[in-house]
C-alpha atoms as a PDB file:
ATOM      1  CA  ASN A   1     -21.734   8.605 -31.917  1.00  0.00           C
ATOM      2  CA  GLU A   2     -19.264  11.378 -31.919  1.00  0.00           C
ATOM      3  CA  GLY A   3     -17.525  10.270 -28.621  1.00  0.00           C
ATOM      4  CA  GLN A   4     -17.614   6.476 -28.978  1.00  0.00           C
ATOM      5  CA  GLY A   5     -17.661   6.094 -32.662  1.00  0.00           C
ATOM      6  CA  ASP A   6     -14.528   3.789 -32.738  1.00  0.00           C
ATOM      7  CA  LYS A   7     -16.184   1.351 -30.294  1.00  0.00           C
ATOM      8  CA  LEU A   8     -19.317   0.827 -32.451  1.00  0.00           C
ATOM      9  CA  ARG A   9     -19.504  -2.404 -34.561  1.00  0.00           C
ATOM     10  CA  PHE A  10     -22.144  -3.048 -37.230  1.00  0.00           C
ATOM     11  CA  TYR A  11     -23.346  -6.413 -38.502  1.00  0.00           C
ATOM     12  CA  LEU A  12     -25.734  -7.348 -41.291  1.00  0.00           C
ATOM     13  CA  SER A  13     -28.085  -9.850 -39.705  1.00  0.00           C
ATOM     14  CA  LYS A  14     -30.357 -12.216 -41.625  1.00  0.00           C
ATOM     15  CA  ALA A  15     -27.902 -11.896 -44.515  1.00  0.00           C
ATOM     16  CA  ASP A  16     -29.140 -15.132 -46.103  1.00  0.00           C
ATOM     17  CA  GLU A  17     -32.563 -13.512 -46.554  1.00  0.00           C
ATOM     18  CA  ALA A  18     -31.306 -10.353 -48.446  1.00  0.00           C
ATOM     19  CA  GLY A  19     -31.536 -12.182 -51.768  1.00  0.00           C
ATOM     20  CA  ALA A  20     -28.683 -12.567 -54.197  1.00  0.00           C
ATOM     21  CA  GLU A  21     -25.191 -11.129 -53.878  1.00  0.00           C
ATOM     22  CA  GLY A  22     -26.172  -8.013 -55.762  1.00  0.00           C
ATOM     23  CA  ASP A  23     -29.145  -7.444 -53.486  1.00  0.00           C
ATOM     24  CA  ARG A  24     -26.817  -7.639 -50.456  1.00  0.00           C
ATOM     25  CA  GLN A  25     -24.336  -5.175 -52.039  1.00  0.00           C
ATOM     26  CA  ARG A  26     -27.294  -2.592 -52.584  1.00  0.00           C
ATOM     27  CA  VAL A  27     -28.355  -3.028 -48.950  1.00  0.00           C
ATOM     28  CA  LEU A  28     -24.712  -2.490 -47.774  1.00  0.00           C
ATOM     29  CA  MET A  29     -24.521   0.620 -49.961  1.00  0.00           C
ATOM     30  CA  GLN A  30     -27.694   2.029 -48.443  1.00  0.00           C
ATOM     31  CA  ILE A  31     -26.449   1.417 -44.943  1.00  0.00           C
ATOM     32  CA  VAL A  32     -23.089   3.112 -45.758  1.00  0.00           C
ATOM     33  CA  GLN A  33     -24.813   6.065 -47.159  1.00  0.00           C
ATOM     34  CA  GLU A  34     -26.880   6.478 -44.003  1.00  0.00           C
ATOM     35  CA  LEU A  35     -23.867   6.209 -41.788  1.00  0.00           C
ATOM     36  CA  CYS A  36     -21.919   8.705 -43.756  1.00  0.00           C
ATOM     37  CA  LYS A  37     -24.462  11.398 -42.803  1.00  0.00           C
ATOM     38  CA  ARG A  38     -23.806  10.865 -39.124  1.00  0.00           C
ATOM     39  CA  PRO A  39     -20.678  12.495 -37.637  1.00  0.00           C
ATOM     40  CA  GLY A  40     -18.316  10.036 -35.791  1.00  0.00           C
ATOM     41  CA  LEU A  41     -19.383   7.140 -37.950  1.00  0.00           C
ATOM     42  CA  ASN A  42     -18.018   8.417 -41.219  1.00  0.00           C
ATOM     43  CA  LYS A  43     -14.661   6.644 -41.280  1.00  0.00           C
ATOM     44  CA  CYS A  44     -12.309   4.809 -43.492  1.00  0.00           C
ATOM     45  CA  GLY A  45     -12.018   1.053 -43.449  1.00  0.00           C
ATOM     46  CA  PHE A  46     -15.663   0.427 -42.644  1.00  0.00           C
ATOM     47  CA  ASP A  47     -16.528  -3.225 -42.190  1.00  0.00           C
ATOM     48  CA  MET A  48     -19.911  -4.949 -41.754  1.00  0.00           C
ATOM     49  CA  PRO A  49     -19.687  -8.654 -41.369  1.00  0.00           C
ATOM     50  CA  THR A  50     -22.706 -10.737 -42.508  1.00  0.00           C
ATOM     51  CA  ILE A  51     -24.285 -13.050 -39.952  1.00  0.00           C
ATOM     52  CA  TYR A  52     -27.248 -15.337 -39.843  1.00  0.00           C
ATOM     53  CA  ILE A  53     -28.477 -18.562 -38.227  1.00  0.00           C
ATOM     54  CA  PRO A  54     -27.771 -21.438 -40.530  1.00  0.00           C
ATOM     55  CA  ASN A  55     -30.770 -23.400 -41.765  1.00  0.00           C
ATOM     56  CA  PRO A  56     -29.967 -26.922 -42.993  1.00  0.00           C
ATOM     57  CA  ASN A  57     -33.125 -26.925 -45.116  1.00  0.00           C
ATOM     58  CA  LYS A  58     -32.270 -23.671 -46.684  1.00  0.00           C
ATOM     59  CA  PRO A  59     -28.639 -23.539 -47.737  1.00  0.00           C
ATOM     60  CA  SER A  60     -27.002 -20.184 -48.673  1.00  0.00           C
ATOM     61  CA  ARG A  61     -23.937 -19.102 -50.492  1.00  0.00           C
ATOM     62  CA  CYS A  62     -23.571 -16.020 -48.205  1.00  0.00           C
ATOM     63  CA  VAL A  63     -20.471 -16.014 -45.999  1.00  0.00           C
ATOM     64  CA  ASN A  64     -21.642 -16.515 -42.402  1.00  0.00           C
ATOM     65  CA  GLN A  65     -19.175 -14.871 -39.852  1.00  0.00           C
ATOM     66  CA  ILE A  66     -21.310 -15.498 -36.747  1.00  0.00           C
ATOM     67  CA  GLU A  67     -18.818 -17.985 -35.181  1.00  0.00           C
ATOM     68  CA  GLU A  68     -15.991 -15.511 -35.407  1.00  0.00           C
ATOM     69  CA  ILE A  69     -18.156 -12.834 -33.877  1.00  0.00           C
ATOM     70  CA  CYS A  70     -19.120 -15.206 -31.038  1.00  0.00           C
ATOM     71  CA  ARG A  71     -15.478 -15.864 -30.341  1.00  0.00           C
ATOM     72  CA  THR A  72     -14.740 -12.120 -30.281  1.00  0.00           C
ATOM     73  CA  ILE A  73     -17.683 -11.551 -27.816  1.00  0.00           C
ATOM     74  CA  GLU A  74     -16.356 -14.420 -25.627  1.00  0.00           C
ATOM     75  CA  LYS A  75     -13.009 -13.047 -25.577  1.00  0.00           C
ATOM     76  CA  THR A  76     -14.283  -9.477 -24.668  1.00  0.00           C
ATOM     77  CA  ILE A  77     -16.401 -10.941 -21.917  1.00  0.00           C
ATOM     78  CA  SER A  78     -13.479 -12.894 -20.558  1.00  0.00           C
ATOM     79  CA  GLN A  79     -11.132  -9.876 -20.473  1.00  0.00           C
ATOM     80  CA  THR A  80     -13.968  -7.773 -18.874  1.00  0.00           C
ATOM     81  CA  VAL A  81     -14.620 -10.449 -16.185  1.00  0.00           C
ATOM     82  CA  GLN A  82     -10.762 -10.720 -15.442  1.00  0.00           C
ATOM     83  CA  HIS A  83     -10.393  -6.928 -15.360  1.00  0.00           C
ATOM     84  CA  THR A  84     -13.425  -6.550 -13.000  1.00  0.00           C
ATOM     85  CA  LEU A  85     -12.123  -9.179 -10.582  1.00  0.00           C
ATOM     86  CA  ASN A  86      -8.689  -7.640 -10.513  1.00  0.00           C
ATOM     87  CA  ALA A  87     -10.323  -4.198  -9.950  1.00  0.00           C
ATOM     88  CA  LEU A  88     -12.383  -5.682  -7.130  1.00  0.00           C
ATOM     89  CA  GLU A  89      -9.365  -7.037  -5.291  1.00  0.00           C
ATOM     90  CA  ARG A  90      -7.521  -3.668  -5.776  1.00  0.00           C
ATOM     91  CA  ASP A  91     -10.561  -1.821  -4.325  1.00  0.00           C
ATOM     92  CA  CYS A  92     -10.669  -4.168  -1.287  1.00  0.00           C
ATOM     93  CA  LEU A  93      -6.975  -3.618  -0.641  1.00  0.00           C
ATOM     94  CA  LEU A  94      -7.554   0.130  -1.027  1.00  0.00           C
ATOM     95  CA  ILE A  95     -10.377   0.045   1.559  1.00  0.00           C
ATOM     96  CA  ASP A  96      -8.246  -1.910   3.943  1.00  0.00           C
ATOM     97  CA  LYS A  97      -5.361   0.534   3.540  1.00  0.00           C
ATOM     98  CA  ALA A  98      -7.528   3.565   3.970  1.00  0.00           C
ATOM     99  CA  THR A  99      -9.302   2.161   6.989  1.00  0.00           C
ATOM    100  CA  ARG A 100      -5.925   1.276   8.721  1.00  0.00           C
ATOM    101  CA  GLN A 101      -4.661   4.795   7.931  1.00  0.00           C
ATOM    102  CA  LEU A 102      -7.830   6.354   9.511  1.00  0.00           C
ATOM    103  CA  LEU A 103      -7.528   4.192  12.644  1.00  0.00           C
ATOM    104  CA  GLU A 104      -3.760   5.109  12.964  1.00  0.00           C
ATOM    105  CA  GLU A 105      -4.447   8.730  12.474  1.00  0.00           C
ATOM    106  CA  ASP A 106      -7.268   8.587  15.127  1.00  0.00           C
ATOM    107  CA  SER A 107      -4.891   6.815  17.585  1.00  0.00           C
ATOM    108  CA  GLU A 108      -2.274   9.508  16.931  1.00  0.00           C
ATOM    109  CA  ALA A 109      -4.873  12.205  17.492  1.00  0.00           C
ATOM    110  CA  ARG A 110      -6.054  10.662  20.780  1.00  0.00           C
ATOM    111  CA  SER A 111      -2.451  10.533  21.917  1.00  0.00           C
ATOM    112  CA  ASN A 112      -1.750  14.235  20.977  1.00  0.00           C
ATOM    113  CA  ASN A 113      -5.027  15.194  22.665  1.00  0.00           C
ATOM    114  CA  PHE A 114      -3.954  13.460  25.864  1.00  0.00           C
ATOM    115  CA  HIS A 115      -0.734  15.375  25.957  1.00  0.00           C
ATOM    116  CA  ALA A 116      -2.420  18.586  24.956  1.00  0.00           C
ATOM    117  CA  ARG A 117      -4.914  18.197  27.918  1.00  0.00           C
ATOM    118  CA  PHE A 118      -2.101  17.381  30.300  1.00  0.00           C
ATOM    119  CA  ARG A 119      -0.040  20.465  29.326  1.00  0.00           C
ATOM    120  CA  GLY A 120      -3.192  22.645  29.426  1.00  0.00           C
ATOM    121  CA  ALA A 121      -4.130  21.330  32.918  1.00  0.00           C
ATOM    122  CA  LEU A 122      -0.671  22.196  34.209  1.00  0.00           C
ATOM    123  CA  LEU A 123      -0.662  25.637  32.691  1.00  0.00           C
ATOM    124  CA  GLY A 124      -4.315  26.234  33.887  1.00  0.00           C
ATOM    125  CA  LEU A 125      -3.353  24.986  37.361  1.00  0.00           C
ATOM    126  CA  ALA A 126      -0.365  27.397  37.435  1.00  0.00           C
ATOM    127  CA  GLY A 127      -2.513  30.291  36.156  1.00  0.00           C
ATOM    128  CA  CYS A 128      -5.183  29.697  38.780  1.00  0.00           C
ATOM    129  CA  LEU A 129      -2.681  29.313  41.700  1.00  0.00           C
ATOM    130  CA  LEU A 130      -1.063  32.548  40.935  1.00  0.00           C
ATOM    131  CA  PRO A 131      -4.168  34.655  41.564  1.00  0.00           C
ATOM    132  CA  PHE A 132      -4.751  32.630  44.675  1.00  0.00           C
ATOM    133  CA  PHE A 133      -1.197  33.440  45.861  1.00  0.00           C
ATOM    134  CA  LEU A 134      -1.755  36.994  45.029  1.00  0.00           C
ATOM    135  CA  LEU A 135      -5.023  37.131  47.004  1.00  0.00           C
ATOM    136  CA  ILE A 136      -3.438  35.555  50.095  1.00  0.00           C
ATOM    137  CA  THR A 137      -0.569  37.999  49.705  1.00  0.00           C
ATOM    138  CA  LEU A 138      -2.969  41.003  49.512  1.00  0.00           C
ATOM    139  CA  LEU A 139      -4.788  39.811  52.611  1.00  0.00           C
ATOM    140  CA  PHE A 140      -1.957  38.513  54.746  1.00  0.00           C
ATOM    141  CA  GLY A 141       1.443  38.993  53.236  1.00  0.00           C
ATOM    142  CA  THR A 142       2.301  42.646  53.467  1.00  0.00           C
ATOM    143  CA  ALA A 143       3.222  44.692  56.610  1.00  0.00           C
ATOM    144  CA  THR A 144       0.103  46.878  56.014  1.00  0.00           C
ATOM    145  CA  ALA A 145      -2.079  43.777  55.829  1.00  0.00           C
ATOM    146  CA  ARG A 146      -0.610  42.449  59.123  1.00  0.00           C
ATOM    147  CA  GLN A 147      -1.268  45.768  60.824  1.00  0.00           C
ATOM    148  CA  VAL A 148      -4.897  45.693  59.724  1.00  0.00           C
ATOM    149  CA  TRP A 149      -5.423  42.039  60.902  1.00  0.00           C
ATOM    150  CA  SER A 150      -3.913  42.913  64.248  1.00  0.00           C
ATOM    151  CA  LEU A 151      -6.462  45.724  64.768  1.00  0.00           C
ATOM    152  CA  VAL A 152      -9.332  43.470  63.570  1.00  0.00           C
ATOM    153  CA  LEU A 153      -8.479  40.199  65.287  1.00  0.00           C
ATOM    154  CA  GLY A 154      -6.219  41.250  68.123  1.00  0.00           C
ATOM    155  CA  GLN A 155      -2.611  40.541  68.678  1.00  0.00           C
ATOM    156  CA  GLU A 156      -2.919  36.896  69.637  1.00  0.00           C
ATOM    157  CA  GLN A 157      -5.320  35.803  66.923  1.00  0.00           C
ATOM    158  CA  SER A 158      -3.224  37.768  64.395  1.00  0.00           C
ATOM    159  CA  GLN A 159      -0.068  35.962  65.485  1.00  0.00           C
ATOM    160  CA  ALA A 160      -1.946  32.511  65.166  1.00  0.00           C
ATOM    161  CA  LEU A 161      -3.028  33.389  61.602  1.00  0.00           C
ATOM    162  CA  GLU A 162       0.469  34.529  60.788  1.00  0.00           C
ATOM    163  CA  LEU A 163       1.661  30.896  61.384  1.00  0.00           C
ATOM    164  CA  TYR A 164      -0.302  29.669  58.405  1.00  0.00           C
ATOM    165  CA  VAL A 165       0.662  32.434  56.075  1.00  0.00           C
ATOM    166  CA  ARG A 166       4.369  32.558  57.122  1.00  0.00           C
ATOM    167  CA  PRO A 167       5.529  30.975  53.786  1.00  0.00           C
ATOM    168  CA  VAL A 168       3.839  33.622  51.807  1.00  0.00           C
ATOM    169  CA  ALA A 169       5.162  36.366  54.151  1.00  0.00           C
ATOM    170  CA  TYR A 170       8.591  34.898  53.855  1.00  0.00           C
ATOM    171  CA  ALA A 171       8.356  34.957  49.993  1.00  0.00           C
ATOM    172  CA  TRP A 172       7.269  38.544  50.087  1.00  0.00           C
ATOM    173  CA  SER A 173       9.905  39.517  52.562  1.00  0.00           C
ATOM    174  CA  LEU A 174      12.424  38.872  49.754  1.00  0.00           C
ATOM    175  CA  VAL A 175      10.867  41.556  47.563  1.00  0.00           C
ATOM    176  CA  PRO A 176      11.821  45.068  48.460  1.00  0.00           C
ATOM    177  CA  GLU A 177       8.957  47.251  49.602  1.00  0.00           C
ATOM    178  CA  ASP A 178       9.352  49.669  46.805  1.00  0.00           C
ATOM    179  CA  HIS A 179       8.875  46.904  44.174  1.00  0.00           C
ATOM    180  CA  THR A 180       5.817  45.153  45.733  1.00  0.00           C
ATOM    181  CA  LEU A 181       3.207  46.630  43.343  1.00  0.00           C
ATOM    182  CA  THR A 182       5.510  45.962  40.366  1.00  0.00           C
ATOM    183  CA  VAL A 183       5.834  42.263  41.413  1.00  0.00           C
ATOM    184  CA  PHE A 184       2.273  42.030  42.158  1.00  0.00           C
ATOM    185  CA  PHE A 185       1.023  43.210  38.812  1.00  0.00           C
ATOM    186  CA  GLY A 186       3.746  41.194  37.031  1.00  0.00           C
ATOM    187  CA  LEU A 187       2.473  38.055  38.685  1.00  0.00           C
ATOM    188  CA  LEU A 188      -1.000  38.983  37.719  1.00  0.00           C
ATOM    189  CA  CYS A 189      -0.062  39.443  33.984  1.00  0.00           C
ATOM    190  CA  LEU A 190       1.865  36.142  34.143  1.00  0.00           C
ATOM    191  CA  SER A 191      -1.309  34.446  35.487  1.00  0.00           C
ATOM    192  CA  ILE A 192      -3.240  35.756  32.564  1.00  0.00           C
ATOM    193  CA  VAL A 193      -0.636  34.692  30.056  1.00  0.00           C
ATOM    194  CA  LEU A 194      -0.671  31.199  31.585  1.00  0.00           C
ATOM    195  CA  LEU A 195      -4.456  30.879  31.470  1.00  0.00           C
ATOM    196  CA  LEU A 196      -4.380  32.060  27.746  1.00  0.00           C
ATOM    197  CA  MET A 197      -1.717  29.515  27.006  1.00  0.00           C
ATOM    198  CA  ALA A 198      -3.814  26.865  28.740  1.00  0.00           C
ATOM    199  CA  SER A 199      -6.811  27.828  26.596  1.00  0.00           C
ATOM    200  CA  TYR A 200      -4.877  27.524  23.437  1.00  0.00           C
ATOM    201  CA  THR A 201      -3.163  24.244  24.511  1.00  0.00           C
ATOM    202  CA  PHE A 202      -6.415  22.710  25.285  1.00  0.00           C
ATOM    203  CA  GLN A 203      -7.470  22.845  21.543  1.00  0.00           C
ATOM    204  CA  THR A 204      -7.687  19.101  20.418  1.00  0.00           C
ATOM    205  CA  LYS A 205      -8.097  17.303  17.217  1.00  0.00           C
ATOM    206  CA  PRO A 206     -11.399  15.588  16.312  1.00  0.00           C
ATOM    207  CA  THR A 207     -11.394  11.845  16.932  1.00  0.00           C
ATOM    208  CA  LEU A 208     -13.665   8.921  16.004  1.00  0.00           C
ATOM    209  CA  SER A 209     -16.208   7.807  18.476  1.00  0.00           C
ATOM    210  CA  LYS A 210     -16.298   4.198  19.572  1.00  0.00           C
ATOM    211  CA  LYS A 211     -19.277   3.484  17.346  1.00  0.00           C
ATOM    212  CA  GLN A 212     -17.494   4.872  14.296  1.00  0.00           C
ATOM    213  CA  LYS A 213     -14.385   2.935  15.056  1.00  0.00           C
ATOM    214  CA  ARG A 214     -16.376  -0.278  15.404  1.00  0.00           C
ATOM    215  CA  GLN A 215     -18.225   0.439  12.080  1.00  0.00           C
ATOM    216  CA  LEU A 216     -14.878   1.003  10.313  1.00  0.00           C
ATOM    217  CA  GLU A 217     -13.450  -2.217  11.655  1.00  0.00           C
ATOM    218  CA  ASP A 218     -16.628  -4.234  10.860  1.00  0.00           C
ATOM    219  CA  ARG A 219     -16.610  -2.999   7.281  1.00  0.00           C
ATOM    220  CA  ARG A 220     -12.952  -3.639   6.759  1.00  0.00           C
ATOM    221  CA  ASP A 221     -13.311  -7.185   8.174  1.00  0.00           C
ATOM    222  CA  TYR A 222     -16.349  -7.728   5.888  1.00  0.00           C
ATOM    223  CA  VAL A 223     -14.465  -6.553   2.862  1.00  0.00           C
ATOM    224  CA  LEU A 224     -11.382  -8.758   3.704  1.00  0.00           C
ATOM    225  CA  ASP A 225     -13.159 -11.822   4.944  1.00  0.00           C
ATOM    226  CA  VAL A 226     -16.294 -11.866   2.783  1.00  0.00           C
ATOM    227  CA  VAL A 227     -15.846  -9.849  -0.410  1.00  0.00           C
ATOM    228  CA  LEU A 228     -12.182 -10.642  -1.049  1.00  0.00           C
ATOM    229  CA  GLU A 229     -12.790 -14.315  -0.418  1.00  0.00           C
ATOM    230  CA  LYS A 230     -15.776 -14.258  -2.721  1.00  0.00           C
ATOM    231  CA  LYS A 231     -13.560 -12.712  -5.343  1.00  0.00           C
ATOM    232  CA  ARG A 232     -11.017 -15.506  -4.949  1.00  0.00           C
ATOM    233  CA  GLN A 233     -13.707 -18.091  -5.339  1.00  0.00           C
ATOM    234  CA  LEU A 234     -15.033 -16.332  -8.524  1.00  0.00           C
ATOM    235  CA  TYR A 235     -11.593 -16.088  -9.966  1.00  0.00           C
ATOM    236  CA  GLU A 236     -10.932 -19.796  -9.490  1.00  0.00           C
ATOM    237  CA  GLU A 237     -14.274 -20.616 -11.095  1.00  0.00           C
ATOM    238  CA  TYR A 238     -13.386 -18.338 -13.920  1.00  0.00           C
ATOM    239  CA  LEU A 239     -10.024 -20.047 -14.363  1.00  0.00           C
ATOM    240  CA  ARG A 240     -11.663 -23.485 -14.317  1.00  0.00           C
ATOM    241  CA  GLN A 241     -14.157 -22.420 -16.945  1.00  0.00           C
ATOM    242  CA  SER A 242     -11.373 -20.912 -19.138  1.00  0.00           C
ATOM    243  CA  ILE A 243      -9.287 -24.045 -18.877  1.00  0.00           C
ATOM    244  CA  SER A 244     -12.302 -26.245 -19.653  1.00  0.00           C
ATOM    245  CA  GLU A 245     -13.228 -24.247 -22.594  1.00  0.00           C
ATOM    246  CA  HIS A 246      -9.513 -24.360 -23.825  1.00  0.00           C
ATOM    247  CA  ASP A 247      -9.527 -28.199 -23.450  1.00  0.00           C
ATOM    248  CA  LEU A 248     -12.766 -28.526 -25.376  1.00  0.00           C
ATOM    249  CA  SER A 249     -11.516 -26.401 -28.156  1.00  0.00           C
END
């Protein structure tokens, strides 16, 4: 009563059976006294129309406002139906827009994930090749390593092996002997940095599965093809009924 008091309407039904006009006035006074006790219903300009079903065999002098009330109810129902149908169309369009936005965001996330994986693979490959290069360098690239392999394999086998590792040996020949350890540990740190960057770059965004995408598309198609079309049919039927009632009146 307190929250929706303005929306409540009261009617005196069976007003023709309330007796004479004085009796109806006493009934109305009793009702008003009861309503005044309730918060939210105690307001100025209180109106209580009298309604009853006319009986040809029992005429009454009481004013019957039932037709006016019926017109008010029909008008309210008509406005509610029209508002509901319009809201249904808006909801269908919102669902379509939200679904399209989700699919576009998923497509963009997949594209970003592909580029992230590609960059991560390149960084990871570089980070893995550097330790391999350092291992070959440690085993075959330095002058000390060549002397060790000459003692182990012999001069001829050592020279044959040197043919395969000559690029590595050439690269290290460009580095001064005093800076070999510095370059070695510098490349090792660079390899670690590249592997960490690859791990960070490999972080991908969540995407929809094929089943989820198919469900979204199916629901969107159902809303657009079935629900929205049903709304248009109901709206056309509502307009036909409104025009027919207007012509009859």
